[in-house]
Structure formats: structure tokens, C-alpha cells
Amino acid sequence: MHNLWVTLFGLIASLWVVQGIRAGIGMSRLPWLSDANPISPDDTPFVSIIFAARDEAEKLPAALATLLTQDYPRFEVIAVNDRSQDLTSSILHQFERTCQNLKVTDLHNFPQFHVFDHVHAQAAMPAALFVGRAPHQLDVIEDMKLGKIVKMAGFRSGVAVAQDSVKVRWHSGVHNVVRGVTKNFFAACHYNIFIALAAMMLPLLMSVLPFFGLAFASGWARVFAGIAVGSAILIHTGMIWSTDASPLYGFTHPLGALLFSWMLARSAIATLWRGGVVWRDTFYPIEDLRKGLV
């Protein structure tokens, strides 16, 4: 039995070391957004910023002010009011009256088709046409799939370290994070329960088990578990070193793995139990969602 643990923790440690080297090389090659040279105003392409808002009256004024006061010389903002029941529509149209580069569209009834998360149903963003494919319907992880389609079409995306230049609060609090990914995580597994089970087990094996091995194993098994734990924490810390987050968050690595596995399990159970996904008060049957996979 001891040899089994030595082999297992040795394999896990090797994978973490290799991943750490790959991550270190990759991070060192990333450009810094602050080092980018500004484009000449004469060479700037026209950019359309498109977003959908549903019952966002509380956060909308500050978000709009940020979007509309950018110093980029040629851009427009297309806002889609997605069937809001609060003051979202009034706020959007109030800004529209004073901002020439803001266009507002009100979506009152949800259509029977779904293109990139209902934004483009009214805004008609030609994203899918841009990459030479027909729009895919009923996909709730449209941002990931748009990136995949772009890459499949032979285009490339760029990544840079933004530091304080870009700040986005994804969700407020752990509870909202868990709720917010309920529609997404099982979709990322193509609504396949076997892929979901594998994706749940991998973090537990790679990111939780070594911590138990460090505490309870002995001999070389403990050594390899310690190498895996140290590598995981160093990678976690290295990934956030350019942010304002404390490096001590690296020690929460196993908690993050447990939370990830729970969120994926919750997403799979909720989707299968309902027979689909509920998003913004609209139900999407799982049969239709599977047809739209890219």
C-alpha cells in the first residue's frame, strides 16, 4: 500500500512541477498592458461595446459612466435592456439622451432563437458572421464559445497583464458566485455526466489529496505530497502576484478545489433535475442546449 501512495503522490508532484514550469514560462512572456504604445487616433478602428442588462438599476449608472468616459477616440456603446422590471430602462434612456455614442434597445419579449446570450437578438452583433460561421443557438457560455469559434476560424486572441487598468467584480460574495455558475459549469462539460464526474474528481485528486498526504503519509509519499502542495501554492501565488490580492490566498488552494467541485456538482444536478437551464427567467431545455454545442 505504501508503494501505491508513493507512486500516486510522485505522479501528482511531477504533474504540478511540470505545470509550474509551464505556467512560469507562460506568465513571463505575457505583455503588460501598461507597456503598450497608444495607437494614433488616425489609425484606431471603430469599436462597438455591447452589453445586456436585466434589473441592474443599482449598478448601471456607475457602469455606464465608466464605459462612456473612456478616452478611446472612436467607439459606441450598444445597451440592450433585457426585459427589466426595475428602472434599468429609464436609466439607459436617460443616459442615451445626453450621450451621442450610446444606443439603447429594449427587449420586451424573448424570441424563440438565442444567439450569444440574447444580446445579439436585438443588437445584431455580427460576431459569428465575422468568423465565418452561422450563429450557434442556445448556448449559455457564449463568451467561451465565441473564443473557441474565433480560434477554430484561424484567428488569434491576445492576453496581457492589466494590473489596475481593468477591474471587474464578477459576483458579490461566495453565495452569488456559486449561484452565478449554476448555468455555466455543466454546460462547459457539454452536459455530459461522465465528463462532469471526471472534472469533479481531478481537482480533488490534484489539489486536495496532497494536503492529506502531507499531513498523514510517511516517507517518500509525504515528500512527494509536500512537493505537490508546495508547487500548487507557489503557482497559485504566482498567478495573483500582479494583483492587489494577498499572496496568502495561495494557502486557500484546497478550499478553492473543493468549492469548484461542489459548484460543478450543483450545476450538473440542478440542470438534470430541471431538464434544462434557467437564466434570466427563461428556461432552456437541455435537448436544445445539446444541439447548440460547438
C-alpha atoms as a PDB file:
ATOM      1  CA  MET A   1       0.000   0.000   0.000  1.00  0.00           C
ATOM      2  CA  HIS A   2       2.859   2.374   0.800  1.00  0.00           C
ATOM      3  CA  ASN A   3       4.300   1.883  -2.704  1.00  0.00           C
ATOM      4  CA  LEU A   4       0.923   2.760  -4.165  1.00  0.00           C
ATOM      5  CA  TRP A   5       0.852   6.095  -2.310  1.00  0.00           C
ATOM      6  CA  VAL A   6       4.458   6.799  -3.251  1.00  0.00           C
ATOM      7  CA  THR A   7       3.627   6.220  -6.915  1.00  0.00           C
ATOM      8  CA  LEU A   8       0.427   8.262  -6.791  1.00  0.00           C
ATOM      9  CA  PHE A   9       1.921  11.243  -4.977  1.00  0.00           C
ATOM     10  CA  GLY A  10       5.026  11.034  -7.144  1.00  0.00           C
ATOM     11  CA  LEU A  11       2.878  11.308 -10.257  1.00  0.00           C
ATOM     12  CA  ILE A  12       0.856  14.196  -8.805  1.00  0.00           C
ATOM     13  CA  ALA A  13       4.047  16.008  -7.757  1.00  0.00           C
ATOM     14  CA  SER A  14       5.541  15.545 -11.232  1.00  0.00           C
ATOM     15  CA  LEU A  15       2.446  16.981 -12.879  1.00  0.00           C
ATOM     16  CA  TRP A  16       2.489  20.013 -10.564  1.00  0.00           C
ATOM     17  CA  VAL A  17       6.188  20.660 -11.189  1.00  0.00           C
ATOM     18  CA  VAL A  18       5.726  20.440 -14.954  1.00  0.00           C
ATOM     19  CA  GLN A  19       2.664  22.684 -14.767  1.00  0.00           C
ATOM     20  CA  GLY A  20       4.582  25.155 -12.607  1.00  0.00           C
ATOM     21  CA  ILE A  21       7.376  25.376 -15.174  1.00  0.00           C
ATOM     22  CA  ARG A  22       4.878  25.841 -17.999  1.00  0.00           C
ATOM     23  CA  ALA A  23       2.950  28.486 -16.042  1.00  0.00           C
ATOM     24  CA  GLY A  24       6.142  30.341 -15.132  1.00  0.00           C
ATOM     25  CA  ILE A  25       7.338  30.439 -18.726  1.00  0.00           C
ATOM     26  CA  GLY A  26       3.911  31.466 -19.975  1.00  0.00           C
ATOM     27  CA  MET A  27       3.453  34.246 -17.402  1.00  0.00           C
ATOM     28  CA  SER A  28       6.912  35.632 -18.088  1.00  0.00           C
ATOM     29  CA  ARG A  29       6.035  36.000 -21.765  1.00  0.00           C
ATOM     30  CA  LEU A  30       2.792  37.899 -21.194  1.00  0.00           C
ATOM     31  CA  PRO A  31       2.957  41.561 -22.196  1.00  0.00           C
ATOM     32  CA  TRP A  32       1.962  44.274 -19.728  1.00  0.00           C
ATOM     33  CA  LEU A  33      -0.906  46.487 -20.759  1.00  0.00           C
ATOM     34  CA  SER A  34       0.872  49.488 -19.252  1.00  0.00           C
ATOM     35  CA  ASP A  35       3.755  48.970 -21.691  1.00  0.00           C
ATOM     36  CA  ALA A  36       1.542  49.093 -24.783  1.00  0.00           C
ATOM     37  CA  ASN A  37       2.068  52.090 -27.034  1.00  0.00           C
ATOM     38  CA  PRO A  38      -1.129  54.076 -27.679  1.00  0.00           C
ATOM     39  CA  ILE A  39      -2.498  53.839 -31.207  1.00  0.00           C
ATOM     40  CA  SER A  40      -2.570  57.005 -33.221  1.00  0.00           C
ATOM     41  CA  PRO A  41      -6.114  58.460 -33.328  1.00  0.00           C
ATOM     42  CA  ASP A  42      -5.986  58.272 -37.115  1.00  0.00           C
ATOM     43  CA  ASP A  43      -5.327  54.508 -37.006  1.00  0.00           C
ATOM     44  CA  THR A  44      -7.881  53.473 -34.412  1.00  0.00           C
ATOM     45  CA  PRO A  45     -10.622  51.130 -35.677  1.00  0.00           C
ATOM     46  CA  PHE A  46     -14.220  51.824 -34.743  1.00  0.00           C
ATOM     47  CA  VAL A  47     -15.246  49.671 -31.776  1.00  0.00           C
ATOM     48  CA  SER A  48     -18.755  48.658 -30.649  1.00  0.00           C
ATOM     49  CA  ILE A  49     -19.169  47.777 -26.970  1.00  0.00           C
ATOM     50  CA  ILE A  50     -22.282  45.662 -26.479  1.00  0.00           C
ATOM     51  CA  PHE A  51     -23.852  44.584 -23.220  1.00  0.00           C
ATOM     52  CA  ALA A  52     -27.187  43.345 -21.917  1.00  0.00           C
ATOM     53  CA  ALA A  53     -28.675  44.460 -18.606  1.00  0.00           C
ATOM     54  CA  ARG A  54     -31.544  42.931 -16.686  1.00  0.00           C
ATOM     55  CA  ASP A  55     -32.688  44.582 -13.453  1.00  0.00           C
ATOM     56  CA  GLU A  56     -29.337  46.318 -12.974  1.00  0.00           C
ATOM     57  CA  ALA A  57     -30.590  49.715 -11.812  1.00  0.00           C
ATOM     58  CA  GLU A  58     -28.353  49.690  -8.737  1.00  0.00           C
ATOM     59  CA  LYS A  59     -25.059  49.193 -10.592  1.00  0.00           C
ATOM     60  CA  LEU A  60     -25.924  50.627 -14.003  1.00  0.00           C
ATOM     61  CA  PRO A  61     -25.174  54.368 -13.507  1.00  0.00           C
ATOM     62  CA  ALA A  62     -21.593  53.766 -12.376  1.00  0.00           C
ATOM     63  CA  ALA A  63     -21.023  51.158 -15.098  1.00  0.00           C
ATOM     64  CA  LEU A  64     -22.328  53.450 -17.835  1.00  0.00           C
ATOM     65  CA  ALA A  65     -20.247  56.355 -16.590  1.00  0.00           C
ATOM     66  CA  THR A  66     -17.133  54.182 -16.801  1.00  0.00           C
ATOM     67  CA  LEU A  67     -17.939  52.946 -20.290  1.00  0.00           C
ATOM     68  CA  LEU A  68     -18.844  56.315 -21.732  1.00  0.00           C
ATOM     69  CA  THR A  69     -15.895  58.302 -20.346  1.00  0.00           C
ATOM     70  CA  GLN A  70     -13.198  56.184 -21.987  1.00  0.00           C
ATOM     71  CA  ASP A  71     -10.583  58.168 -23.876  1.00  0.00           C
ATOM     72  CA  TYR A  72     -10.655  55.864 -26.898  1.00  0.00           C
ATOM     73  CA  PRO A  73     -11.481  58.179 -29.839  1.00  0.00           C
ATOM     74  CA  ARG A  74     -13.893  56.061 -31.907  1.00  0.00           C
ATOM     75  CA  PHE A  75     -16.391  53.833 -30.133  1.00  0.00           C
ATOM     76  CA  GLU A  76     -20.069  53.324 -29.463  1.00  0.00           C
ATOM     77  CA  VAL A  77     -21.928  51.580 -26.664  1.00  0.00           C
ATOM     78  CA  ILE A  78     -24.943  49.435 -27.530  1.00  0.00           C
ATOM     79  CA  ALA A  79     -27.037  48.633 -24.465  1.00  0.00           C
ATOM     80  CA  VAL A  80     -29.814  46.051 -24.522  1.00  0.00           C
ATOM     81  CA  ASN A  81     -32.442  46.283 -21.808  1.00  0.00           C
ATOM     82  CA  ASP A  82     -33.340  42.629 -21.345  1.00  0.00           C
ATOM     83  CA  ARG A  83     -36.946  42.696 -20.076  1.00  0.00           C
ATOM     84  CA  SER A  84     -36.050  44.573 -16.885  1.00  0.00           C
ATOM     85  CA  GLN A  85     -38.699  45.131 -14.230  1.00  0.00           C
ATOM     86  CA  ASP A  86     -36.866  47.902 -12.350  1.00  0.00           C
ATOM     87  CA  LEU A  87     -35.573  51.317 -13.516  1.00  0.00           C
ATOM     88  CA  THR A  88     -32.962  49.886 -15.869  1.00  0.00           C
ATOM     89  CA  SER A  89     -34.757  51.094 -18.995  1.00  0.00           C
ATOM     90  CA  SER A  90     -35.271  54.622 -17.620  1.00  0.00           C
ATOM     91  CA  ILE A  91     -31.606  54.911 -16.635  1.00  0.00           C
ATOM     92  CA  LEU A  92     -30.422  53.707 -20.024  1.00  0.00           C
ATOM     93  CA  HIS A  93     -32.623  56.123 -21.950  1.00  0.00           C
ATOM     94  CA  GLN A  94     -31.671  58.986 -19.637  1.00  0.00           C
ATOM     95  CA  PHE A  95     -28.002  58.426 -20.494  1.00  0.00           C
ATOM     96  CA  GLU A  96     -28.899  57.977 -24.168  1.00  0.00           C
ATOM     97  CA  ARG A  97     -30.406  61.479 -24.339  1.00  0.00           C
ATOM     98  CA  THR A  98     -27.100  63.040 -23.306  1.00  0.00           C
ATOM     99  CA  CYS A  99     -24.606  60.667 -24.936  1.00  0.00           C
ATOM    100  CA  GLN A 100     -24.476  60.515 -28.714  1.00  0.00           C
ATOM    101  CA  ASN A 101     -22.423  57.314 -28.788  1.00  0.00           C
ATOM    102  CA  LEU A 102     -24.926  55.331 -26.672  1.00  0.00           C
ATOM    103  CA  LYS A 103     -27.649  53.334 -28.382  1.00  0.00           C
ATOM    104  CA  VAL A 104     -30.349  51.607 -26.335  1.00  0.00           C
ATOM    105  CA  THR A 105     -32.571  48.754 -27.426  1.00  0.00           C
ATOM    106  CA  ASP A 106     -35.418  47.448 -25.279  1.00  0.00           C
ATOM    107  CA  LEU A 107     -36.116  43.734 -25.455  1.00  0.00           C
ATOM    108  CA  HIS A 108     -39.695  43.173 -24.289  1.00  0.00           C
ATOM    109  CA  ASN A 109     -40.359  39.620 -25.452  1.00  0.00           C
ATOM    110  CA  PHE A 110     -37.755  36.914 -25.643  1.00  0.00           C
ATOM    111  CA  PRO A 111     -37.544  35.488 -29.196  1.00  0.00           C
ATOM    112  CA  GLN A 112     -37.528  31.776 -29.987  1.00  0.00           C
ATOM    113  CA  PHE A 113     -33.882  31.853 -31.007  1.00  0.00           C
ATOM    114  CA  HIS A 114     -30.831  32.510 -28.900  1.00  0.00           C
ATOM    115  CA  VAL A 115     -27.634  33.991 -30.298  1.00  0.00           C
ATOM    116  CA  PHE A 116     -24.793  34.712 -27.908  1.00  0.00           C
ATOM    117  CA  ASP A 117     -26.897  35.311 -24.780  1.00  0.00           C
ATOM    118  CA  HIS A 118     -29.816  37.354 -26.096  1.00  0.00           C
ATOM    119  CA  VAL A 119     -27.717  40.476 -26.640  1.00  0.00           C
ATOM    120  CA  HIS A 120     -27.462  39.994 -30.352  1.00  0.00           C
ATOM    121  CA  ALA A 121     -31.133  39.186 -30.834  1.00  0.00           C
ATOM    122  CA  GLN A 122     -31.734  42.932 -30.907  1.00  0.00           C
ATOM    123  CA  ALA A 123     -28.268  44.445 -31.233  1.00  0.00           C
ATOM    124  CA  ALA A 124     -27.425  42.237 -34.244  1.00  0.00           C
ATOM    125  CA  MET A 125     -23.747  41.898 -33.440  1.00  0.00           C
ATOM    126  CA  PRO A 126     -22.152  40.068 -36.389  1.00  0.00           C
ATOM    127  CA  ALA A 127     -19.676  38.167 -34.190  1.00  0.00           C
ATOM    128  CA  ALA A 128     -20.462  34.740 -35.597  1.00  0.00           C
ATOM    129  CA  LEU A 129     -20.514  36.082 -39.145  1.00  0.00           C
ATOM    130  CA  PHE A 130     -17.163  37.727 -38.530  1.00  0.00           C
ATOM    131  CA  VAL A 131     -15.535  34.357 -38.006  1.00  0.00           C
ATOM    132  CA  GLY A 132     -17.310  32.811 -40.950  1.00  0.00           C
ATOM    133  CA  ARG A 133     -19.841  30.617 -39.162  1.00  0.00           C
ATOM    134  CA  ALA A 134     -23.566  30.747 -38.633  1.00  0.00           C
ATOM    135  CA  PRO A 135     -24.618  31.884 -35.133  1.00  0.00           C
ATOM    136  CA  HIS A 136     -24.991  28.992 -32.710  1.00  0.00           C
ATOM    137  CA  GLN A 137     -28.246  28.829 -30.849  1.00  0.00           C
ATOM    138  CA  LEU A 138     -28.990  28.199 -27.209  1.00  0.00           C
ATOM    139  CA  ASP A 139     -25.504  28.417 -25.746  1.00  0.00           C
ATOM    140  CA  VAL A 140     -25.239  29.730 -22.207  1.00  0.00           C
ATOM    141  CA  ILE A 141     -21.434  30.012 -22.188  1.00  0.00           C
ATOM    142  CA  GLU A 142     -21.381  32.254 -25.233  1.00  0.00           C
ATOM    143  CA  ASP A 143     -18.182  34.054 -24.264  1.00  0.00           C
ATOM    144  CA  MET A 144     -16.148  30.841 -24.192  1.00  0.00           C
ATOM    145  CA  LYS A 145     -17.742  29.516 -27.366  1.00  0.00           C
ATOM    146  CA  LEU A 146     -17.146  32.778 -29.220  1.00  0.00           C
ATOM    147  CA  GLY A 147     -13.475  32.485 -28.324  1.00  0.00           C
ATOM    148  CA  LYS A 148     -13.447  28.874 -29.499  1.00  0.00           C
ATOM    149  CA  ILE A 149     -15.090  29.753 -32.813  1.00  0.00           C
ATOM    150  CA  VAL A 150     -12.601  32.578 -33.355  1.00  0.00           C
ATOM    151  CA  LYS A 151      -9.712  30.175 -32.801  1.00  0.00           C
ATOM    152  CA  MET A 152     -11.277  27.470 -34.989  1.00  0.00           C
ATOM    153  CA  ALA A 153     -11.529  30.034 -37.772  1.00  0.00           C
ATOM    154  CA  GLY A 154      -7.769  30.590 -37.649  1.00  0.00           C
ATOM    155  CA  PHE A 155      -7.749  33.862 -35.716  1.00  0.00           C
ATOM    156  CA  ARG A 156      -5.797  34.565 -32.532  1.00  0.00           C
ATOM    157  CA  SER A 157      -6.647  36.276 -29.271  1.00  0.00           C
ATOM    158  CA  GLY A 158      -4.341  38.413 -27.190  1.00  0.00           C
ATOM    159  CA  VAL A 159      -3.712  38.311 -23.440  1.00  0.00           C
ATOM    160  CA  ALA A 160      -1.932  40.904 -21.326  1.00  0.00           C
ATOM    161  CA  VAL A 161      -1.383  41.685 -17.647  1.00  0.00           C
ATOM    162  CA  ALA A 162      -3.696  44.600 -16.863  1.00  0.00           C
ATOM    163  CA  GLN A 163      -2.836  45.285 -13.196  1.00  0.00           C
ATOM    164  CA  ASP A 164      -5.057  48.193 -12.071  1.00  0.00           C
ATOM    165  CA  SER A 165      -6.067  49.176 -15.606  1.00  0.00           C
ATOM    166  CA  VAL A 166      -9.005  46.764 -15.674  1.00  0.00           C
ATOM    167  CA  LYS A 167     -11.178  45.803 -12.723  1.00  0.00           C
ATOM    168  CA  VAL A 168     -14.310  43.677 -12.930  1.00  0.00           C
ATOM    169  CA  ARG A 169     -16.266  42.336  -9.981  1.00  0.00           C
ATOM    170  CA  TRP A 170     -17.683  39.113 -11.291  1.00  0.00           C
ATOM    171  CA  HIS A 171     -20.061  38.380  -8.415  1.00  0.00           C
ATOM    172  CA  SER A 172     -20.548  39.760  -4.928  1.00  0.00           C
ATOM    173  CA  GLY A 173     -19.829  37.101  -2.300  1.00  0.00           C
ATOM    174  CA  VAL A 174     -19.315  33.337  -2.443  1.00  0.00           C
ATOM    175  CA  HIS A 175     -23.056  32.645  -2.448  1.00  0.00           C
ATOM    176  CA  ASN A 176     -23.570  34.674  -5.620  1.00  0.00           C
ATOM    177  CA  VAL A 177     -20.527  33.085  -7.239  1.00  0.00           C
ATOM    178  CA  VAL A 178     -21.990  29.626  -6.653  1.00  0.00           C
ATOM    179  CA  ARG A 179     -25.393  30.700  -7.969  1.00  0.00           C
ATOM    180  CA  GLY A 180     -23.856  32.540 -10.905  1.00  0.00           C
ATOM    181  CA  VAL A 181     -22.078  29.477 -12.333  1.00  0.00           C
ATOM    182  CA  THR A 182     -25.014  27.097 -11.935  1.00  0.00           C
ATOM    183  CA  LYS A 183     -25.917  27.553 -15.594  1.00  0.00           C
ATOM    184  CA  ASN A 184     -22.291  27.506 -16.801  1.00  0.00           C
ATOM    185  CA  PHE A 185     -20.312  24.658 -15.281  1.00  0.00           C
ATOM    186  CA  PHE A 186     -22.300  21.705 -16.582  1.00  0.00           C
ATOM    187  CA  ALA A 187     -22.504  23.443 -19.953  1.00  0.00           C
ATOM    188  CA  ALA A 188     -18.689  23.544 -20.043  1.00  0.00           C
ATOM    189  CA  CYS A 189     -18.811  19.733 -19.727  1.00  0.00           C
ATOM    190  CA  HIS A 190     -21.107  19.550 -22.775  1.00  0.00           C
ATOM    191  CA  TYR A 191     -23.921  18.383 -20.479  1.00  0.00           C
ATOM    192  CA  ASN A 192     -22.118  15.042 -20.205  1.00  0.00           C
ATOM    193  CA  ILE A 193     -22.322  13.488 -16.734  1.00  0.00           C
ATOM    194  CA  PHE A 194     -19.159  11.408 -17.247  1.00  0.00           C
ATOM    195  CA  ILE A 195     -17.101  14.445 -18.232  1.00  0.00           C
ATOM    196  CA  ALA A 196     -18.559  16.278 -15.239  1.00  0.00           C
ATOM    197  CA  LEU A 197     -17.617  13.455 -12.842  1.00  0.00           C
ATOM    198  CA  ALA A 198     -14.065  13.415 -14.205  1.00  0.00           C
ATOM    199  CA  ALA A 199     -13.853  17.202 -13.879  1.00  0.00           C
ATOM    200  CA  MET A 200     -15.030  16.956 -10.250  1.00  0.00           C
ATOM    201  CA  MET A 201     -12.568  14.225  -9.332  1.00  0.00           C
ATOM    202  CA  LEU A 202      -9.488  15.816 -10.903  1.00  0.00           C
ATOM    203  CA  PRO A 203      -9.305  18.848  -8.542  1.00  0.00           C
ATOM    204  CA  LEU A 204      -9.878  16.589  -5.544  1.00  0.00           C
ATOM    205  CA  LEU A 205      -7.063  14.310  -6.676  1.00  0.00           C
ATOM    206  CA  MET A 206      -4.605  17.050  -7.656  1.00  0.00           C
ATOM    207  CA  SER A 207      -5.403  19.837  -5.201  1.00  0.00           C
ATOM    208  CA  VAL A 208      -6.906  18.263  -2.072  1.00  0.00           C
ATOM    209  CA  LEU A 209      -5.410  14.785  -1.676  1.00  0.00           C
ATOM    210  CA  PRO A 210      -1.768  16.025  -1.482  1.00  0.00           C
ATOM    211  CA  PHE A 211      -2.637  18.132   1.576  1.00  0.00           C
ATOM    212  CA  PHE A 212      -3.920  14.994   3.326  1.00  0.00           C
ATOM    213  CA  GLY A 213      -0.807  13.160   2.188  1.00  0.00           C
ATOM    214  CA  LEU A 214       1.414  15.845   3.674  1.00  0.00           C
ATOM    215  CA  ALA A 215      -0.400  15.503   6.997  1.00  0.00           C
ATOM    216  CA  PHE A 216      -0.872  11.733   7.234  1.00  0.00           C
ATOM    217  CA  ALA A 217       1.522   9.945   4.860  1.00  0.00           C
ATOM    218  CA  SER A 218       5.080   8.944   5.681  1.00  0.00           C
ATOM    219  CA  GLY A 219       8.403   8.525   3.963  1.00  0.00           C
ATOM    220  CA  TRP A 220       8.652   9.284   0.260  1.00  0.00           C
ATOM    221  CA  ALA A 221       4.872   9.515  -0.019  1.00  0.00           C
ATOM    222  CA  ARG A 222       4.924  12.521   2.331  1.00  0.00           C
ATOM    223  CA  VAL A 223       7.890  14.028   0.472  1.00  0.00           C
ATOM    224  CA  PHE A 224       6.110  13.835  -2.886  1.00  0.00           C
ATOM    225  CA  ALA A 225       2.881  15.122  -1.344  1.00  0.00           C
ATOM    226  CA  GLY A 226       4.845  18.060   0.088  1.00  0.00           C
ATOM    227  CA  ILE A 227       6.330  18.811  -3.342  1.00  0.00           C
ATOM    228  CA  ALA A 228       2.831  18.776  -4.847  1.00  0.00           C
ATOM    229  CA  VAL A 229       1.477  21.059  -2.107  1.00  0.00           C
ATOM    230  CA  GLY A 230       4.377  23.492  -2.407  1.00  0.00           C
ATOM    231  CA  SER A 231       4.128  23.619  -6.196  1.00  0.00           C
ATOM    232  CA  ALA A 232       0.362  24.202  -6.091  1.00  0.00           C
ATOM    233  CA  ILE A 233       0.688  27.033  -3.574  1.00  0.00           C
ATOM    234  CA  LEU A 234       3.550  28.659  -5.490  1.00  0.00           C
ATOM    235  CA  ILE A 235       1.605  28.528  -8.771  1.00  0.00           C
ATOM    236  CA  HIS A 236      -1.494  29.914  -7.071  1.00  0.00           C
ATOM    237  CA  THR A 237       0.556  32.713  -5.517  1.00  0.00           C
ATOM    238  CA  GLY A 238       2.404  33.432  -8.746  1.00  0.00           C
ATOM    239  CA  MET A 239      -0.832  33.805 -10.691  1.00  0.00           C
ATOM    240  CA  ILE A 240      -2.028  36.624  -8.404  1.00  0.00           C
ATOM    241  CA  TRP A 241       1.251  38.399  -7.671  1.00  0.00           C
ATOM    242  CA  SER A 242       0.480  41.246 -10.084  1.00  0.00           C
ATOM    243  CA  THR A 243      -2.859  41.959  -8.384  1.00  0.00           C
ATOM    244  CA  ASP A 244      -3.815  43.548  -5.081  1.00  0.00           C
ATOM    245  CA  ALA A 245      -4.712  40.146  -3.608  1.00  0.00           C
ATOM    246  CA  SER A 246      -2.599  38.848  -0.739  1.00  0.00           C
ATOM    247  CA  PRO A 247      -0.149  36.014  -1.571  1.00  0.00           C
ATOM    248  CA  LEU A 248      -1.589  34.234   1.469  1.00  0.00           C
ATOM    249  CA  TYR A 249      -4.570  33.334  -0.725  1.00  0.00           C
ATOM    250  CA  GLY A 250      -2.317  30.641  -2.127  1.00  0.00           C
ATOM    251  CA  PHE A 251      -2.936  28.641   1.035  1.00  0.00           C
ATOM    252  CA  THR A 252      -6.651  28.523   0.220  1.00  0.00           C
ATOM    253  CA  HIS A 253      -5.853  26.349  -2.796  1.00  0.00           C
ATOM    254  CA  PRO A 254      -7.542  23.153  -1.471  1.00  0.00           C
ATOM    255  CA  LEU A 255     -10.610  25.135  -0.408  1.00  0.00           C
ATOM    256  CA  GLY A 256     -10.891  26.508  -3.933  1.00  0.00           C
ATOM    257  CA  ALA A 257     -10.693  22.980  -5.340  1.00  0.00           C
ATOM    258  CA  LEU A 258     -13.451  21.783  -3.003  1.00  0.00           C
ATOM    259  CA  LEU A 259     -15.610  24.764  -3.931  1.00  0.00           C
ATOM    260  CA  PHE A 260     -15.028  24.162  -7.633  1.00  0.00           C
ATOM    261  CA  SER A 261     -16.077  20.525  -7.369  1.00  0.00           C
ATOM    262  CA  TRP A 262     -19.166  21.460  -5.373  1.00  0.00           C
ATOM    263  CA  MET A 263     -20.178  24.151  -7.884  1.00  0.00           C
ATOM    264  CA  LEU A 264     -19.816  21.703 -10.770  1.00  0.00           C
ATOM    265  CA  ALA A 265     -21.830  19.043  -8.928  1.00  0.00           C
ATOM    266  CA  ARG A 266     -24.516  21.596  -8.090  1.00  0.00           C
ATOM    267  CA  SER A 267     -24.650  22.776 -11.700  1.00  0.00           C
ATOM    268  CA  ALA A 268     -24.985  19.226 -13.034  1.00  0.00           C
ATOM    269  CA  ILE A 269     -27.639  18.210 -10.504  1.00  0.00           C
ATOM    270  CA  ALA A 270     -29.692  21.389 -10.993  1.00  0.00           C
ATOM    271  CA  THR A 271     -29.564  21.147 -14.792  1.00  0.00           C
ATOM    272  CA  LEU A 272     -30.503  17.468 -14.921  1.00  0.00           C
ATOM    273  CA  TRP A 273     -33.214  17.877 -12.266  1.00  0.00           C
ATOM    274  CA  ARG A 274     -34.844  20.753 -14.144  1.00  0.00           C
ATOM    275  CA  GLY A 275     -34.266  19.232 -17.555  1.00  0.00           C
ATOM    276  CA  GLY A 276     -32.501  22.398 -18.656  1.00  0.00           C
ATOM    277  CA  VAL A 277     -31.144  25.759 -17.575  1.00  0.00           C
ATOM    278  CA  VAL A 278     -32.997  28.733 -16.120  1.00  0.00           C
ATOM    279  CA  TRP A 279     -31.326  32.022 -16.945  1.00  0.00           C
ATOM    280  CA  ARG A 280     -32.880  35.457 -16.551  1.00  0.00           C
ATOM    281  CA  ASP A 281     -36.313  33.938 -16.031  1.00  0.00           C
ATOM    282  CA  THR A 282     -36.086  31.977 -19.273  1.00  0.00           C
ATOM    283  CA  PHE A 283     -35.985  28.157 -19.437  1.00  0.00           C
ATOM    284  CA  TYR A 284     -33.704  26.466 -21.968  1.00  0.00           C
ATOM    285  CA  PRO A 285     -34.384  22.701 -22.434  1.00  0.00           C
ATOM    286  CA  ILE A 286     -31.277  20.549 -22.220  1.00  0.00           C
ATOM    287  CA  GLU A 287     -32.149  18.860 -25.518  1.00  0.00           C
ATOM    288  CA  ASP A 288     -31.925  22.185 -27.325  1.00  0.00           C
ATOM    289  CA  LEU A 289     -28.778  23.180 -25.450  1.00  0.00           C
ATOM    290  CA  ARG A 290     -27.030  19.992 -26.545  1.00  0.00           C
ATOM    291  CA  LYS A 291     -27.932  20.748 -30.165  1.00  0.00           C
ATOM    292  CA  GLY A 292     -26.129  24.080 -29.940  1.00  0.00           C
ATOM    293  CA  LEU A 293     -22.783  22.680 -28.746  1.00  0.00           C
ATOM    294  CA  VAL A 294     -19.696  23.945 -30.548  1.00  0.00           C
END
